[in-house]
Amino acid sequence: MTIKKEVITLVRENRPALALKIAELRTNHNLTQKDLAETLHFSKQEISNWETGLKTPRISALAKIAHFFNVTVSELLDEQVDPKQIDYTARILAAHLDADITEDELHKITDFMDQFVHERA
């Protein structure tokens, strides 16, 4: 095996989670790198660099990618949320809620927080 092939193999085998996620979302939507690049107004080379892990998209690009694929930036980054942290955050939020909060507002807040617990369960 040539050194170039070894390097390419190592890069492919050790891609960051973000690179794999972008490639997975793109292929699941039957898009080529060129299709995605044109849709999001990036170059095909940028998409390729992100998918190989050679470069990482800027936060504005992550937001565009997440919006296009209807996922969160956290999902793109494969972030793991500790359930204890969610509970702690919920308690802090509850302590700071206005007593005049409506049932509808409270319901929206709890539904939003529940999605994190269910996504990680």
Protein backbone atom coordinates (compact mmCIF):
# COMPACT_ATOMS: atom_id res chain seq x y z
CA MET A 1 0.00 0.00 0.00
CA THR A 2 1.33 3.43 -0.89
CA ILE A 3 1.72 6.15 1.73
CA LYS A 4 -1.00 8.21 0.05
CA LYS A 5 -3.47 5.30 0.26
CA GLU A 6 -2.52 4.70 3.90
CA VAL A 7 -3.16 8.35 4.76
CA ILE A 8 -6.51 8.32 2.95
CA THR A 9 -7.50 5.13 4.77
CA LEU A 10 -6.53 6.59 8.15
CA VAL A 11 -8.47 9.78 7.49
CA ARG A 12 -11.57 7.83 6.48
CA GLU A 13 -11.37 5.50 9.47
CA ASN A 14 -10.80 8.28 11.99
CA ARG A 15 -13.31 10.85 10.85
CA PRO A 16 -14.90 12.98 13.58
CA ALA A 17 -18.55 12.40 14.46
CA LEU A 18 -19.51 15.67 12.77
CA ALA A 19 -17.94 14.60 9.47
CA LEU A 20 -19.76 11.27 9.59
CA LYS A 21 -23.06 12.93 10.49
CA ILE A 22 -22.93 15.41 7.61
CA ALA A 23 -22.11 12.61 5.16
CA GLU A 24 -24.86 10.42 6.60
CA LEU A 25 -27.51 13.14 6.38
CA ARG A 26 -26.49 14.03 2.84
CA THR A 27 -26.58 10.43 1.61
CA ASN A 28 -29.84 9.70 3.44
CA HIS A 29 -31.37 12.58 1.47
CA ASN A 30 -29.95 11.21 -1.80
CA LEU A 31 -27.82 14.28 -2.36
CA THR A 32 -24.38 14.49 -3.89
CA GLN A 33 -21.77 16.76 -2.36
CA LYS A 34 -22.34 19.06 -5.32
CA ASP A 35 -26.12 19.13 -4.71
CA LEU A 36 -25.64 20.03 -1.06
CA ALA A 37 -23.02 22.63 -1.88
CA GLU A 38 -25.27 24.35 -4.41
CA THR A 39 -28.29 24.25 -2.11
CA LEU A 40 -26.44 25.74 0.87
CA HIS A 41 -24.24 28.08 -1.20
CA PHE A 42 -20.91 26.48 -0.34
CA SER A 43 -18.31 24.95 -2.59
CA LYS A 44 -18.22 21.22 -3.25
CA GLN A 45 -14.68 21.26 -1.84
CA GLU A 46 -15.95 22.69 1.46
CA ILE A 47 -18.53 19.90 1.76
CA SER A 48 -15.85 17.34 0.94
CA ASN A 49 -13.48 18.80 3.53
CA TRP A 50 -16.19 18.70 6.19
CA GLU A 51 -17.13 15.11 5.38
CA THR A 52 -13.54 13.90 5.45
CA GLY A 53 -12.85 15.76 8.67
CA LEU A 54 -10.07 17.84 7.14
CA LYS A 55 -11.93 21.02 8.14
CA THR A 56 -14.77 21.88 10.49
CA PRO A 57 -17.67 24.09 9.42
CA ARG A 58 -18.03 27.48 11.10
CA ILE A 59 -20.98 27.91 13.43
CA SER A 60 -22.96 29.79 10.77
CA ALA A 61 -22.45 26.87 8.37
CA LEU A 62 -23.47 24.40 11.09
CA ALA A 63 -26.68 26.38 11.57
CA LYS A 64 -27.42 26.26 7.82
CA ILE A 65 -26.74 22.51 7.68
CA ALA A 66 -28.87 21.82 10.75
CA HIS A 67 -31.75 23.92 9.41
CA PHE A 68 -31.60 22.28 5.99
CA PHE A 69 -31.68 18.74 7.43
CA ASN A 70 -34.16 19.70 10.18
CA VAL A 71 -31.86 18.67 13.03
CA THR A 72 -30.31 20.59 15.90
CA VAL A 73 -26.69 21.71 15.95
CA SER A 74 -26.30 19.48 19.01
CA GLU A 75 -27.43 16.51 16.93
CA LEU A 76 -24.89 17.39 14.26
CA LEU A 77 -22.16 17.55 16.86
CA ASP A 78 -23.41 14.33 18.47
CA GLU A 79 -23.42 16.01 21.85
CA GLN A 80 -24.39 13.87 24.76
CA VAL A 81 -26.56 15.51 27.40
CA ASP A 82 -26.26 14.28 30.97
CA PRO A 83 -29.77 13.69 32.43
CA LYS A 84 -28.52 15.06 35.78
CA GLN A 85 -27.58 18.30 34.03
CA ILE A 86 -31.06 18.50 32.50
CA ASP A 87 -32.63 18.06 35.95
CA TYR A 88 -30.32 20.70 37.44
CA THR A 89 -31.12 23.13 34.62
CA ALA A 90 -34.85 22.47 35.06
CA ARG A 91 -34.64 23.29 38.77
CA ILE A 92 -32.79 26.55 38.09
CA LEU A 93 -35.31 27.49 35.42
CA ALA A 94 -38.24 26.68 37.72
CA ALA A 95 -36.78 28.86 40.45
CA HIS A 96 -36.67 31.82 38.06
CA LEU A 97 -40.05 31.45 36.40
CA ASP A 98 -42.49 34.24 36.93
CA ALA A 99 -45.45 33.30 39.08
CA ASP A 100 -47.68 34.71 36.34
CA ILE A 101 -46.67 32.02 33.82
CA THR A 102 -49.66 30.51 32.05
CA GLU A 103 -50.39 26.80 31.86
CA ASP A 104 -49.79 26.94 28.12
CA GLU A 105 -46.35 28.53 28.58
CA LEU A 106 -45.43 25.98 31.24
CA HIS A 107 -46.58 23.17 28.97
CA LYS A 108 -44.41 24.48 26.11
CA ILE A 109 -41.37 24.68 28.40
CA THR A 110 -41.81 21.16 29.77
CA ASP A 111 -42.42 19.72 26.30
CA PHE A 112 -39.23 21.40 25.09
CA MET A 113 -37.21 19.99 27.98
CA ASP A 114 -38.74 16.53 27.62
CA GLN A 115 -37.43 16.25 24.08
CA PHE A 116 -33.87 16.22 25.43
CA VAL A 117 -34.60 13.47 27.92
CA HIS A 118 -36.33 11.32 25.29
CA GLU A 119 -33.66 11.92 22.64
CA ARG A 120 -30.94 10.66 24.98
CA ALA A 121 -32.87 7.78 26.54
